[in-house]
C-alpha cells in the first residue's frame, strides 16, 4: 500500500512539474489546482522550501514533494500564464543556453 501511495504522489508531482494542471485559485499562501479531476491545495507561502500539501480537506491525497522548487516554479509560472493570458494566447518559447526558456511574445520566463 505504501508503494502505491508513493507512486500516486510521484504521478501527481510529475503532472505539476509538466504543467499539466488547471490553476483554480492562487493567493499569497496557497494555490488550488486540479489534475484530472483531483483537487489539491498547495502551500506556497515562504518560498519553495515550504511547498506542501496536507491530508484531508481540499486535497485528494497529501503529496510529499521531492522537487519542491520545481513544483513551486511550475505553479508560479502558471500564475503568470493566467495573468498574461489575454496578452499572449500561445507562448513562443526560445530555449536559452542554461536549459531555461523565455517567451518571445510576452517575456514569460520558464526555468524548464
Protein backbone atom coordinates (compact mmCIF):
# COMPACT_ATOMS: atom_id res chain seq x y z
CA UNK A 1 0.00 0.00 0.00
CA UNK A 2 2.85 2.41 0.86
CA UNK A 3 4.45 1.82 -2.55
CA UNK A 4 1.14 2.56 -4.32
CA UNK A 5 0.75 5.81 -2.37
CA UNK A 6 4.30 6.86 -3.30
CA UNK A 7 3.56 6.05 -6.96
CA UNK A 8 0.43 8.22 -6.83
CA UNK A 9 2.39 11.04 -5.20
CA UNK A 10 5.07 10.88 -7.94
CA UNK A 11 2.35 10.74 -10.61
CA UNK A 12 0.69 13.94 -9.37
CA UNK A 13 4.03 15.65 -8.73
CA UNK A 14 5.15 14.87 -12.29
CA UNK A 15 1.88 16.31 -13.62
CA UNK A 16 2.57 19.54 -11.74
CA UNK A 17 6.18 19.65 -12.93
CA UNK A 18 4.99 19.20 -16.52
CA UNK A 19 2.43 21.99 -16.12
CA UNK A 20 -0.41 19.54 -16.67
CA UNK A 21 -2.84 21.06 -14.16
CA UNK A 22 -5.51 23.72 -14.01
CA UNK A 23 -4.92 26.63 -11.67
CA UNK A 24 -8.19 27.22 -9.80
CA UNK A 25 -7.13 29.99 -7.39
CA UNK A 26 -3.89 31.38 -6.04
CA UNK A 27 -3.08 33.85 -3.29
CA UNK A 28 -0.04 34.67 -1.19
CA UNK A 29 -0.44 31.47 0.88
CA UNK A 30 -1.91 28.70 -1.25
CA UNK A 31 -2.60 27.57 -4.78
CA UNK A 32 -5.62 25.41 -5.54
CA UNK A 33 -5.16 23.23 -8.59
CA UNK A 34 -6.98 20.46 -10.41
CA UNK A 35 -5.31 17.46 -12.02
CA UNK A 36 -7.58 15.11 -13.95
CA UNK A 37 -10.49 15.91 -11.63
CA UNK A 38 -8.46 15.59 -8.42
CA UNK A 39 -8.21 18.75 -6.32
CA UNK A 40 -5.18 19.91 -4.35
CA UNK A 41 -4.38 22.89 -2.16
CA UNK A 42 -0.66 23.53 -2.10
CA UNK A 43 1.03 25.73 0.48
CA UNK A 44 3.31 28.17 -1.38
CA UNK A 45 3.93 30.86 1.26
CA UNK A 46 7.51 31.36 2.45
CA UNK A 47 9.05 30.16 -0.82
CA UNK A 48 9.77 26.81 -2.39
CA UNK A 49 11.37 25.21 0.67
CA UNK A 50 7.97 25.13 2.37
CA UNK A 51 5.85 23.81 -0.53
CA UNK A 52 3.47 21.19 0.88
CA UNK A 53 0.03 19.64 0.81
CA UNK A 54 -1.79 18.29 3.84
CA UNK A 55 -4.05 15.28 4.09
CA UNK A 56 -7.77 15.89 4.16
CA UNK A 57 -9.87 18.91 3.36
CA UNK A 58 -9.39 20.07 -0.20
CA UNK A 59 -6.67 17.55 -1.12
CA UNK A 60 -7.28 14.26 -2.90
CA UNK A 61 -4.11 12.92 -1.19
CA UNK A 62 -1.20 14.51 0.65
CA UNK A 63 1.85 14.73 -1.57
CA UNK A 64 5.38 14.62 -0.20
CA UNK A 65 7.17 16.54 -2.93
CA UNK A 66 10.67 15.52 -3.93
CA UNK A 67 11.23 18.54 -6.21
CA UNK A 68 9.74 21.39 -4.16
CA UNK A 69 11.47 24.07 -6.23
CA UNK A 70 10.19 22.59 -9.48
CA UNK A 71 6.63 22.41 -8.12
CA UNK A 72 6.83 25.97 -6.82
CA UNK A 73 8.21 27.29 -10.11
CA UNK A 74 5.58 25.43 -12.14
CA UNK A 75 2.75 26.87 -10.04
CA UNK A 76 4.18 30.39 -10.11
CA UNK A 77 4.66 30.12 -13.89
CA UNK A 78 1.05 29.03 -14.19
CA UNK A 79 0.06 32.13 -12.22
CA UNK A 80 2.00 34.31 -14.66
CA UNK A 81 0.40 32.50 -17.60
CA UNK A 82 -3.02 33.10 -16.07
CA UNK A 83 -2.31 36.82 -15.63
CA UNK A 84 -0.97 37.37 -19.16
CA UNK A 85 -3.34 35.06 -21.00
CA UNK A 86 -5.06 37.99 -22.67
CA UNK A 87 -1.73 39.41 -23.81
CA UNK A 88 -0.23 36.16 -25.07
CA UNK A 89 -2.58 33.33 -26.09
CA UNK A 90 0.20 30.93 -27.07
CA UNK A 91 3.76 31.31 -25.82
CA UNK A 92 6.51 31.06 -28.42
CA UNK A 93 9.41 29.63 -26.38
CA UNK A 94 13.04 30.37 -27.08
CA UNK A 95 15.40 27.99 -25.29
CA UNK A 96 18.35 29.57 -23.51
CA UNK A 97 21.80 28.03 -23.06
CA UNK A 98 21.15 27.00 -19.45
CA UNK A 99 18.08 24.93 -20.44
CA UNK A 100 15.56 27.54 -19.34
CA UNK A 101 13.30 29.33 -21.80
CA UNK A 102 11.69 32.71 -22.42
CA UNK A 103 8.60 33.52 -24.47
CA UNK A 104 9.43 35.69 -27.49
CA UNK A 105 5.94 37.26 -27.34
CA UNK A 106 5.34 38.12 -23.70
CA UNK A 107 8.71 37.66 -21.98
CA UNK A 108 7.50 34.96 -19.57
CA UNK A 109 10.47 33.08 -18.12
CA UNK A 110 10.44 29.33 -17.55
CA UNK A 111 13.21 27.55 -15.65
CA UNK A 112 12.44 24.28 -17.52
